[in-house]
PDB file of N, CA and C in Angstrom:
ATOM      1  N   MET A   1      18.612   4.694  -8.557  1.00  0.00           N
ATOM      2  CA  MET A   1      18.805   6.114  -8.481  1.00  0.00           C
ATOM      3  C   MET A   1      20.249   6.454  -8.164  1.00  0.00           C
ATOM      4  N   ILE A   2      20.822   5.689  -7.288  1.00  0.00           N
ATOM      5  CA  ILE A   2      22.211   5.948  -6.897  1.00  0.00           C
ATOM      6  C   ILE A   2      23.138   5.808  -8.092  1.00  0.00           C
ATOM      7  N   ASP A   3      22.919   4.760  -8.887  1.00  0.00           N
ATOM      8  CA  ASP A   3      23.764   4.527 -10.065  1.00  0.00           C
ATOM      9  C   ASP A   3      23.703   5.683 -11.055  1.00  0.00           C
ATOM     10  N   LYS A   4      22.553   6.353 -11.123  1.00  0.00           N
ATOM     11  CA  LYS A   4      22.376   7.454 -12.071  1.00  0.00           C
ATOM     12  C   LYS A   4      22.608   8.817 -11.421  1.00  0.00           C
ATOM     13  N   GLY A   5      22.985   8.835 -10.149  1.00  0.00           N
ATOM     14  CA  GLY A   5      23.246  10.089  -9.456  1.00  0.00           C
ATOM     15  C   GLY A   5      22.002  10.954  -9.266  1.00  0.00           C
ATOM     16  N   LEU A   6      20.860  10.314  -9.035  1.00  0.00           N
ATOM     17  CA  LEU A   6      19.602  11.037  -8.899  1.00  0.00           C
ATOM     18  C   LEU A   6      19.194  11.201  -7.448  1.00  0.00           C
ATOM     19  N   GLN A   7      18.428  12.241  -7.218  1.00  0.00           N
ATOM     20  CA  GLN A   7      17.847  12.468  -5.901  1.00  0.00           C
ATOM     21  C   GLN A   7      16.337  12.303  -6.004  1.00  0.00           C
ATOM     22  N   LYS A   8      15.681  12.197  -4.866  1.00  0.00           N
ATOM     23  CA  LYS A   8      14.231  12.007  -4.865  1.00  0.00           C
ATOM     24  C   LYS A   8      13.528  13.153  -5.595  1.00  0.00           C
ATOM     25  N   GLN A   9      14.023  14.364  -5.443  1.00  0.00           N
ATOM     26  CA  GLN A   9      13.390  15.514  -6.086  1.00  0.00           C
ATOM     27  C   GLN A   9      13.427  15.399  -7.615  1.00  0.00           C
ATOM     28  N   ASP A  10      14.440  14.713  -8.143  1.00  0.00           N
ATOM     29  CA  ASP A  10      14.503  14.483  -9.589  1.00  0.00           C
ATOM     30  C   ASP A  10      13.312  13.660 -10.067  1.00  0.00           C
ATOM     31  N   LEU A  11      12.859  12.724  -9.242  1.00  0.00           N
ATOM     32  CA  LEU A  11      11.717  11.895  -9.615  1.00  0.00           C
ATOM     33  C   LEU A  11      10.443  12.732  -9.671  1.00  0.00           C
ATOM     34  N   VAL A  12      10.361  13.732  -8.811  1.00  0.00           N
ATOM     35  CA  VAL A  12       9.200  14.615  -8.817  1.00  0.00           C
ATOM     36  C   VAL A  12       9.264  15.553 -10.022  1.00  0.00           C
ATOM     37  N   ASN A  13      10.407  16.187 -10.211  1.00  0.00           N
ATOM     38  CA  ASN A  13      10.529  17.212 -11.250  1.00  0.00           C
ATOM     39  C   ASN A  13      10.638  16.649 -12.661  1.00  0.00           C
ATOM     40  N   LYS A  14      11.319  15.537 -12.828  1.00  0.00           N
ATOM     41  CA  LYS A  14      11.621  15.044 -14.172  1.00  0.00           C
ATOM     42  C   LYS A  14      10.846  13.793 -14.572  1.00  0.00           C
ATOM     43  N   ALA A  15      10.494  12.957 -13.610  1.00  0.00           N
ATOM     44  CA  ALA A  15       9.795  11.716 -13.941  1.00  0.00           C
ATOM     45  C   ALA A  15       8.283  11.857 -13.834  1.00  0.00           C
ATOM     46  N   GLY A  16       7.815  12.975 -13.297  1.00  0.00           N
ATOM     47  CA  GLY A  16       6.379  13.205 -13.215  1.00  0.00           C
ATOM     48  C   GLY A  16       5.683  12.489 -12.077  1.00  0.00           C
ATOM     49  N   LEU A  17       6.429  12.149 -11.050  1.00  0.00           N
ATOM     50  CA  LEU A  17       5.826  11.512  -9.882  1.00  0.00           C
ATOM     51  C   LEU A  17       5.506  12.566  -8.834  1.00  0.00           C
ATOM     52  N   SER A  18       4.497  12.321  -8.022  1.00  0.00           N
ATOM     53  CA  SER A  18       4.169  13.261  -6.955  1.00  0.00           C
ATOM     54  C   SER A  18       5.110  13.049  -5.776  1.00  0.00           C
ATOM     55  N   SER A  19       5.255  14.084  -4.968  1.00  0.00           N
ATOM     56  CA  SER A  19       6.120  13.960  -3.791  1.00  0.00           C
ATOM     57  C   SER A  19       5.559  12.931  -2.818  1.00  0.00           C
ATOM     58  N   ALA A  20       4.232  12.801  -2.765  1.00  0.00           N
ATOM     59  CA  ALA A  20       3.609  11.794  -1.895  1.00  0.00           C
ATOM     60  C   ALA A  20       3.966  10.385  -2.358  1.00  0.00           C
ATOM     61  N   THR A  21       3.977  10.169  -3.667  1.00  0.00           N
ATOM     62  CA  THR A  21       4.330   8.861  -4.217  1.00  0.00           C
ATOM     63  C   THR A  21       5.787   8.534  -3.931  1.00  0.00           C
ATOM     64  N   VAL A  22       6.659   9.497  -4.108  1.00  0.00           N
ATOM     65  CA  VAL A  22       8.083   9.279  -3.831  1.00  0.00           C
ATOM     66  C   VAL A  22       8.280   8.980  -2.345  1.00  0.00           C
ATOM     67  N   ALA A  23       7.531   9.658  -1.488  1.00  0.00           N
ATOM     68  CA  ALA A  23       7.618   9.394  -0.052  1.00  0.00           C
ATOM     69  C   ALA A  23       7.159   7.978   0.268  1.00  0.00           C
ATOM     70  N   LYS A  24       6.073   7.519  -0.381  1.00  0.00           N
ATOM     71  CA  LYS A  24       5.592   6.147  -0.174  1.00  0.00           C
ATOM     72  C   LYS A  24       6.659   5.136  -0.571  1.00  0.00           C
ATOM     73  N   MET A  25       7.300   5.378  -1.706  1.00  0.00           N
ATOM     74  CA  MET A  25       8.345   4.458  -2.159  1.00  0.00           C
ATOM     75  C   MET A  25       9.507   4.440  -1.174  1.00  0.00           C
ATOM     76  N   GLY A  26       9.838   5.595  -0.626  1.00  0.00           N
ATOM     77  CA  GLY A  26      10.931   5.679   0.345  1.00  0.00           C
ATOM     78  C   GLY A  26      10.642   4.898   1.613  1.00  0.00           C
ATOM     79  N   LYS A  27       9.356   4.758   1.940  1.00  0.00           N
ATOM     80  CA  LYS A  27       8.939   4.008   3.127  1.00  0.00           C
ATOM     81  C   LYS A  27       8.709   2.532   2.826  1.00  0.00           C
ATOM     82  N   GLY A  28       8.861   2.162   1.542  1.00  0.00           N
ATOM     83  CA  GLY A  28       8.645   0.773   1.168  1.00  0.00           C
ATOM     84  C   GLY A  28       7.180   0.406   1.013  1.00  0.00           C
ATOM     85  N   GLU A  29       6.314   1.402   0.891  1.00  0.00           N
ATOM     86  CA  GLU A  29       4.887   1.138   0.723  1.00  0.00           C
ATOM     87  C   GLU A  29       4.578   0.824  -0.743  1.00  0.00           C
ATOM     88  N   ALA A  30       3.439   0.232  -0.965  1.00  0.00           N
ATOM     89  CA  ALA A  30       3.022  -0.163  -2.320  1.00  0.00           C
ATOM     90  C   ALA A  30       2.683   1.061  -3.171  1.00  0.00           C
ATOM     91  N   VAL A  31       3.014   0.976  -4.443  1.00  0.00           N
ATOM     92  CA  VAL A  31       2.635   1.996  -5.425  1.00  0.00           C
ATOM     93  C   VAL A  31       1.999   1.289  -6.622  1.00  0.00           C
ATOM     94  N   SER A  32       1.325   2.044  -7.445  1.00  0.00           N
ATOM     95  CA  SER A  32       0.602   1.451  -8.573  1.00  0.00           C
ATOM     96  C   SER A  32       1.545   1.026  -9.701  1.00  0.00           C
ATOM     97  N   ASN A  33       1.016   0.184 -10.568  1.00  0.00           N
ATOM     98  CA  ASN A  33       1.787  -0.237 -11.741  1.00  0.00           C
ATOM     99  C   ASN A  33       2.107   0.945 -12.640  1.00  0.00           C
ATOM    100  N   LYS A  34       1.204   1.914 -12.719  1.00  0.00           N
ATOM    101  CA  LYS A  34       1.435   3.099 -13.541  1.00  0.00           C
ATOM    102  C   LYS A  34       2.661   3.868 -13.028  1.00  0.00           C
ATOM    103  N   VAL A  35       2.786   3.966 -11.732  1.00  0.00           N
ATOM    104  CA  VAL A  35       3.955   4.629 -11.134  1.00  0.00           C
ATOM    105  C   VAL A  35       5.222   3.854 -11.491  1.00  0.00           C
ATOM    106  N   LEU A  36       5.157   2.542 -11.385  1.00  0.00           N
ATOM    107  CA  LEU A  36       6.320   1.720 -11.724  1.00  0.00           C
ATOM    108  C   LEU A  36       6.699   1.879 -13.193  1.00  0.00           C
ATOM    109  N   GLU A  37       5.692   1.982 -14.059  1.00  0.00           N
ATOM    110  CA  GLU A  37       5.961   2.185 -15.486  1.00  0.00           C
ATOM    111  C   GLU A  37       6.652   3.525 -15.730  1.00  0.00           C
ATOM    112  N   LYS A  38       6.164   4.597 -15.101  1.00  0.00           N
ATOM    113  CA  LYS A  38       6.794   5.915 -15.242  1.00  0.00           C
ATOM    114  C   LYS A  38       8.229   5.887 -14.753  1.00  0.00           C
ATOM    115  N   LEU A  39       8.430   5.256 -13.610  1.00  0.00           N
ATOM    116  CA  LEU A  39       9.753   5.191 -13.012  1.00  0.00           C
ATOM    117  C   LEU A  39      10.721   4.406 -13.890  1.00  0.00           C
ATOM    118  N   ALA A  40      10.284   3.273 -14.389  1.00  0.00           N
ATOM    119  CA  ALA A  40      11.136   2.451 -15.245  1.00  0.00           C
ATOM    120  C   ALA A  40      11.472   3.187 -16.548  1.00  0.00           C
ATOM    121  N   LYS A  41      10.497   3.874 -17.098  1.00  0.00           N
ATOM    122  CA  LYS A  41      10.744   4.633 -18.326  1.00  0.00           C
ATOM    123  C   LYS A  41      11.768   5.732 -18.071  1.00  0.00           C
ATOM    124  N   TYR A  42      11.605   6.456 -16.981  1.00  0.00           N
ATOM    125  CA  TYR A  42      12.529   7.538 -16.656  1.00  0.00           C
ATOM    126  C   TYR A  42      13.943   7.011 -16.396  1.00  0.00           C
ATOM    127  N   LEU A  43      14.036   5.901 -15.680  1.00  0.00           N
ATOM    128  CA  LEU A  43      15.349   5.332 -15.350  1.00  0.00           C
ATOM    129  C   LEU A  43      15.922   4.482 -16.478  1.00  0.00           C
ATOM    130  N   GLU A  44      15.123   4.296 -17.537  1.00  0.00           N
ATOM    131  CA  GLU A  44      15.535   3.490 -18.688  1.00  0.00           C
ATOM    132  C   GLU A  44      15.928   2.074 -18.272  1.00  0.00           C
ATOM    133  N   CYS A  45      14.985   1.424 -17.587  1.00  0.00           N
ATOM    134  CA  CYS A  45      15.221   0.054 -17.128  1.00  0.00           C
ATOM    135  C   CYS A  45      13.899  -0.713 -17.165  1.00  0.00           C
ATOM    136  N   ASN A  46      13.952  -1.971 -16.816  1.00  0.00           N
ATOM    137  CA  ASN A  46      12.756  -2.804 -16.718  1.00  0.00           C
ATOM    138  C   ASN A  46      12.172  -2.688 -15.321  1.00  0.00           C
ATOM    139  N   ILE A  47      10.865  -2.859 -15.228  1.00  0.00           N
ATOM    140  CA  ILE A  47      10.209  -2.804 -13.915  1.00  0.00           C
ATOM    141  C   ILE A  47      10.821  -3.828 -12.968  1.00  0.00           C
ATOM    142  N   SER A  48      11.196  -4.975 -13.487  1.00  0.00           N
ATOM    143  CA  SER A  48      11.767  -6.025 -12.638  1.00  0.00           C
ATOM    144  C   SER A  48      13.074  -5.585 -11.966  1.00  0.00           C
ATOM    145  N   GLU A  49      13.711  -4.557 -12.488  1.00  0.00           N
ATOM    146  CA  GLU A  49      14.947  -4.064 -11.899  1.00  0.00           C
ATOM    147  C   GLU A  49      14.716  -3.101 -10.740  1.00  0.00           C
ATOM    148  N   ILE A  50      13.480  -2.649 -10.556  1.00  0.00           N
ATOM    149  CA  ILE A  50      13.216  -1.659  -9.514  1.00  0.00           C
ATOM    150  C   ILE A  50      12.262  -2.133  -8.429  1.00  0.00           C
ATOM    151  N   ILE A  51      11.744  -3.354  -8.556  1.00  0.00           N
ATOM    152  CA  ILE A  51      10.831  -3.844  -7.531  1.00  0.00           C
ATOM    153  C   ILE A  51      11.422  -5.064  -6.829  1.00  0.00           C
ATOM    154  N   SER A  52      10.883  -5.305  -5.642  1.00  0.00           N
ATOM    155  CA  SER A  52      11.239  -6.529  -4.920  1.00  0.00           C
ATOM    156  C   SER A  52       9.979  -7.053  -4.246  1.00  0.00           C
ATOM    157  N   TYR A  53       9.901  -8.346  -4.089  1.00  0.00           N
ATOM    158  CA  TYR A  53       8.778  -8.982  -3.434  1.00  0.00           C
ATOM    159  C   TYR A  53       9.245  -9.515  -2.093  1.00  0.00           C
ATOM    160  N   GLU A  54       8.427  -9.252  -1.093  1.00  0.00           N
ATOM    161  CA  GLU A  54       8.776  -9.736   0.252  1.00  0.00           C
ATOM    162  C   GLU A  54       7.712 -10.643   0.787  1.00  0.00           C
TER     163      GLU A  54
END
């Protein structure tokens, strides 16, 4: 998001994610694969570029 100059509200308004989902991601909580697909499509990247495993 930083590289593209985006804010969290952009993910809600333009990527079609709910504010609750964006809040979960901000806290590092798990989200569904469908959310990851929407996010990757919006950011024009691969899912592997936006997730990390701990």
